[in-house]
């Protein structure tokens, strides 16, 4: 792959049994594959069950998980968080993953794809914007939202009427890649330190 491609970690945050998140995340990855300026790494938090109890001395097992997760984040130039909305918020798995990391997010753009009931994940996304601001990341304004997504995808995971969502995804990718390129160039001139 050309080195000028933006490396984006698409982070699937739901770890619930029977989760719908993989359908949404695979759709997001599919929208990126239509572009020649993005290289995607799908990061499933189900593969990184980090504990909610933080410690300066994690067990060897947690340290290994954390090292692998941190490496995946560090390689990325930007992120897309795919999040459901649970009880007007985002999953605990994402909060744990964020709390175990810090510098991996610095000066990198973060986009959001939310899904859920009537609010379509937007309340979770609004809360995440504050958290990623604190992590010195650059939350992208434009997002994708699926209100009641369960009836919008067929049995193979294809969006049945994708015009609106695909248009929103294009804007999200355009903004995310712009910010990723801008922050990459800026960090070459002047490294980012908090």
Protein backbone atom coordinates (compact mmCIF):
# COMPACT_ATOMS: atom_id res chain seq x y z
CA UNK A 1 0.00 0.00 0.00
CA UNK A 2 1.26 3.50 -0.73
CA UNK A 3 2.85 5.19 2.27
CA UNK A 4 0.81 8.36 1.78
CA UNK A 5 -2.38 6.59 2.79
CA UNK A 6 -3.91 7.63 6.09
CA UNK A 7 -3.86 4.76 8.58
CA UNK A 8 -7.20 4.66 10.42
CA UNK A 9 -8.07 2.36 13.30
CA UNK A 10 -11.80 1.63 13.17
CA UNK A 11 -12.60 0.67 16.75
CA UNK A 12 -15.56 -1.63 17.36
CA UNK A 13 -16.56 -0.88 20.95
CA UNK A 14 -19.45 -3.22 21.75
CA UNK A 15 -18.50 -6.48 23.42
CA UNK A 16 -22.01 -7.65 24.31
CA UNK A 17 -23.29 -11.11 23.44
CA UNK A 18 -25.39 -10.88 20.29
CA UNK A 19 -23.97 -7.45 19.45
CA UNK A 20 -24.89 -5.67 16.22
CA UNK A 21 -21.63 -3.71 16.16
CA UNK A 22 -19.76 -5.99 13.73
CA UNK A 23 -22.39 -5.28 11.06
CA UNK A 24 -21.93 -1.53 11.47
CA UNK A 25 -18.13 -1.77 11.71
CA UNK A 26 -17.89 -3.92 8.59
CA UNK A 27 -20.03 -1.39 6.73
CA UNK A 28 -17.70 1.42 7.90
CA UNK A 29 -14.65 -0.54 6.70
CA UNK A 30 -16.43 -1.11 3.39
CA UNK A 31 -16.96 2.62 2.88
CA UNK A 32 -13.24 3.21 3.47
CA UNK A 33 -12.27 0.49 1.00
CA UNK A 34 -13.87 2.56 -1.78
CA UNK A 35 -11.17 5.19 -1.29
CA UNK A 36 -7.51 5.11 -2.26
CA UNK A 37 -6.33 7.43 0.54
CA UNK A 38 -7.21 5.27 3.57
CA UNK A 39 -5.73 2.10 5.06
CA UNK A 40 -8.01 0.58 7.71
CA UNK A 41 -7.20 -1.52 10.76
CA UNK A 42 -10.37 -2.92 12.36
CA UNK A 43 -9.76 -3.11 16.12
CA UNK A 44 -12.39 -5.12 18.01
CA UNK A 45 -12.43 -4.42 21.74
CA UNK A 46 -13.72 -7.96 22.26
CA UNK A 47 -10.14 -9.00 21.42
CA UNK A 48 -8.76 -6.69 24.14
CA UNK A 49 -10.74 -7.33 27.36
CA UNK A 50 -8.96 -4.75 29.49
CA UNK A 51 -10.16 -4.59 33.09
CA UNK A 52 -11.99 -1.57 34.46
CA UNK A 53 -9.76 -1.52 37.55
CA UNK A 54 -6.68 0.49 36.59
CA UNK A 55 -3.29 -0.16 38.13
CA UNK A 56 0.32 0.92 37.63
CA UNK A 57 1.36 -2.73 37.89
CA UNK A 58 -0.94 -4.78 35.64
CA UNK A 59 -0.68 -8.56 35.61
CA UNK A 60 1.44 -10.05 32.83
CA UNK A 61 -1.72 -11.00 30.93
CA UNK A 62 -3.13 -7.46 31.11
CA UNK A 63 0.27 -5.96 30.24
CA UNK A 64 0.41 -8.15 27.13
CA UNK A 65 -3.12 -7.15 26.07
CA UNK A 66 -2.37 -3.49 26.74
CA UNK A 67 0.87 -3.64 24.76
CA UNK A 68 -0.88 -5.14 21.74
CA UNK A 69 -3.77 -2.66 21.95
CA UNK A 70 -1.45 0.32 22.43
CA UNK A 71 0.63 -0.73 19.42
CA UNK A 72 -2.46 -0.84 17.18
CA UNK A 73 -3.48 2.66 18.32
CA UNK A 74 0.03 4.04 17.97
CA UNK A 75 0.27 2.97 14.32
CA UNK A 76 -2.92 4.86 13.45
CA UNK A 77 -3.00 8.40 12.07
CA UNK A 78 -6.64 8.72 13.08
CA UNK A 79 -9.58 6.79 14.48
CA UNK A 80 -13.23 6.03 13.84
CA UNK A 81 -15.12 4.93 16.93
CA UNK A 82 -18.10 2.66 16.18
CA UNK A 83 -20.29 2.86 19.26
CA UNK A 84 -23.74 1.80 20.35
CA UNK A 85 -25.67 3.84 22.85
CA UNK A 86 -26.35 2.03 26.13
CA UNK A 87 -28.43 3.89 28.75
CA UNK A 88 -27.75 7.25 27.04
CA UNK A 89 -24.00 6.59 27.00
CA UNK A 90 -21.24 4.48 25.43
CA UNK A 91 -20.00 1.00 26.45
CA UNK A 92 -17.81 0.46 29.50
CA UNK A 93 -15.40 -1.48 27.27
CA UNK A 94 -14.53 1.74 25.45
CA UNK A 95 -14.06 3.72 28.67
CA UNK A 96 -11.71 1.05 30.00
CA UNK A 97 -9.74 1.01 26.74
CA UNK A 98 -9.44 4.78 26.75
CA UNK A 99 -8.46 4.94 30.42
CA UNK A 100 -5.65 2.42 29.93
CA UNK A 101 -4.15 4.54 27.14
CA UNK A 102 -3.21 8.20 26.73
CA UNK A 103 -0.47 9.32 24.34
CA UNK A 104 -1.67 7.02 21.57
CA UNK A 105 -4.58 9.44 20.91
CA UNK A 106 -2.63 12.71 21.06
CA UNK A 107 -2.93 15.08 18.10
CA UNK A 108 -4.90 12.62 15.99
CA UNK A 109 -8.42 13.02 14.61
CA UNK A 110 -11.30 10.91 15.90
CA UNK A 111 -14.51 10.34 13.96
CA UNK A 112 -17.66 8.70 15.24
CA UNK A 113 -20.27 6.27 13.96
CA UNK A 114 -23.09 5.88 16.46
CA UNK A 115 -26.04 3.54 16.47
CA UNK A 116 -28.98 2.77 18.70
CA UNK A 117 -32.64 3.50 19.21
CA UNK A 118 -34.31 6.83 18.55
CA UNK A 119 -31.17 8.86 19.32
CA UNK A 120 -29.03 6.76 16.95
CA UNK A 121 -26.06 6.78 19.31
CA UNK A 122 -25.76 10.57 19.26
CA UNK A 123 -25.82 10.93 23.06
CA UNK A 124 -22.91 8.49 23.32
CA UNK A 125 -21.04 10.41 20.63
CA UNK A 126 -21.57 13.75 22.40
CA UNK A 127 -20.06 12.36 25.60
CA UNK A 128 -17.13 10.87 23.70
CA UNK A 129 -16.27 14.24 22.16
CA UNK A 130 -15.51 15.60 25.65
CA UNK A 131 -13.39 12.59 26.54
CA UNK A 132 -11.33 12.75 23.36
CA UNK A 133 -10.80 16.48 23.83
CA UNK A 134 -9.25 15.62 27.19
CA UNK A 135 -7.02 13.07 25.45
CA UNK A 136 -5.60 15.82 23.20
CA UNK A 137 -7.31 14.25 20.20
CA UNK A 138 -9.16 16.17 17.48
CA UNK A 139 -12.84 15.12 17.41
CA UNK A 140 -14.27 15.51 13.92
CA UNK A 141 -17.54 17.42 13.82
CA UNK A 142 -19.31 15.30 11.19
CA UNK A 143 -20.49 11.83 12.19
CA UNK A 144 -22.63 8.95 10.98
CA UNK A 145 -25.69 7.96 12.98
CA UNK A 146 -27.96 4.93 12.62
CA UNK A 147 -31.37 5.23 14.27
CA UNK A 148 -32.78 1.73 14.73
CA UNK A 149 -30.15 0.07 12.52
CA UNK A 150 -31.45 -3.48 12.98
CA UNK A 151 -33.95 -3.08 10.16
CA UNK A 152 -31.60 -1.15 7.86
CA UNK A 153 -29.25 -4.04 7.00
CA UNK A 154 -30.04 -7.29 5.22
CA UNK A 155 -29.00 -10.75 6.42
CA UNK A 156 -25.59 -10.40 4.72
CA UNK A 157 -24.87 -7.09 6.47
CA UNK A 158 -25.57 -4.86 3.48
CA UNK A 159 -27.28 -1.54 4.02
CA UNK A 160 -30.63 -1.74 2.23
CA UNK A 161 -31.07 1.99 1.59
CA UNK A 162 -27.65 3.50 1.99
CA UNK A 163 -27.83 6.87 0.24
CA UNK A 164 -28.00 9.02 3.40
CA UNK A 165 -25.52 6.96 5.44
CA UNK A 166 -23.05 6.68 2.55
CA UNK A 167 -23.20 10.43 2.02
CA UNK A 168 -22.55 11.01 5.73
CA UNK A 169 -19.67 8.49 5.65
CA UNK A 170 -18.07 10.30 2.72
CA UNK A 171 -18.12 13.58 4.64
CA UNK A 172 -16.72 11.85 7.74
CA UNK A 173 -13.87 10.28 5.74
CA UNK A 174 -13.14 13.57 3.97
CA UNK A 175 -12.89 15.46 7.27
CA UNK A 176 -10.97 12.72 9.05
CA UNK A 177 -8.37 12.36 6.31
CA UNK A 178 -7.94 16.15 6.11
CA UNK A 179 -7.25 16.38 9.84
CA UNK A 180 -5.05 13.28 9.83
CA UNK A 181 -2.89 14.71 7.04
CA UNK A 182 -2.76 18.12 8.72
CA UNK A 183 -1.73 16.71 12.10
CA UNK A 184 0.85 14.37 10.52
CA UNK A 185 2.46 17.30 8.71
CA UNK A 186 2.34 19.52 11.79
CA UNK A 187 3.99 16.85 13.96
CA UNK A 188 6.86 16.53 11.45
CA UNK A 189 7.57 20.24 11.89
CA UNK A 190 6.95 20.41 15.61
CA UNK A 191 6.38 17.27 17.73
CA UNK A 192 3.26 17.37 19.86
CA UNK A 193 3.86 17.47 23.61
CA UNK A 194 1.14 18.00 26.16
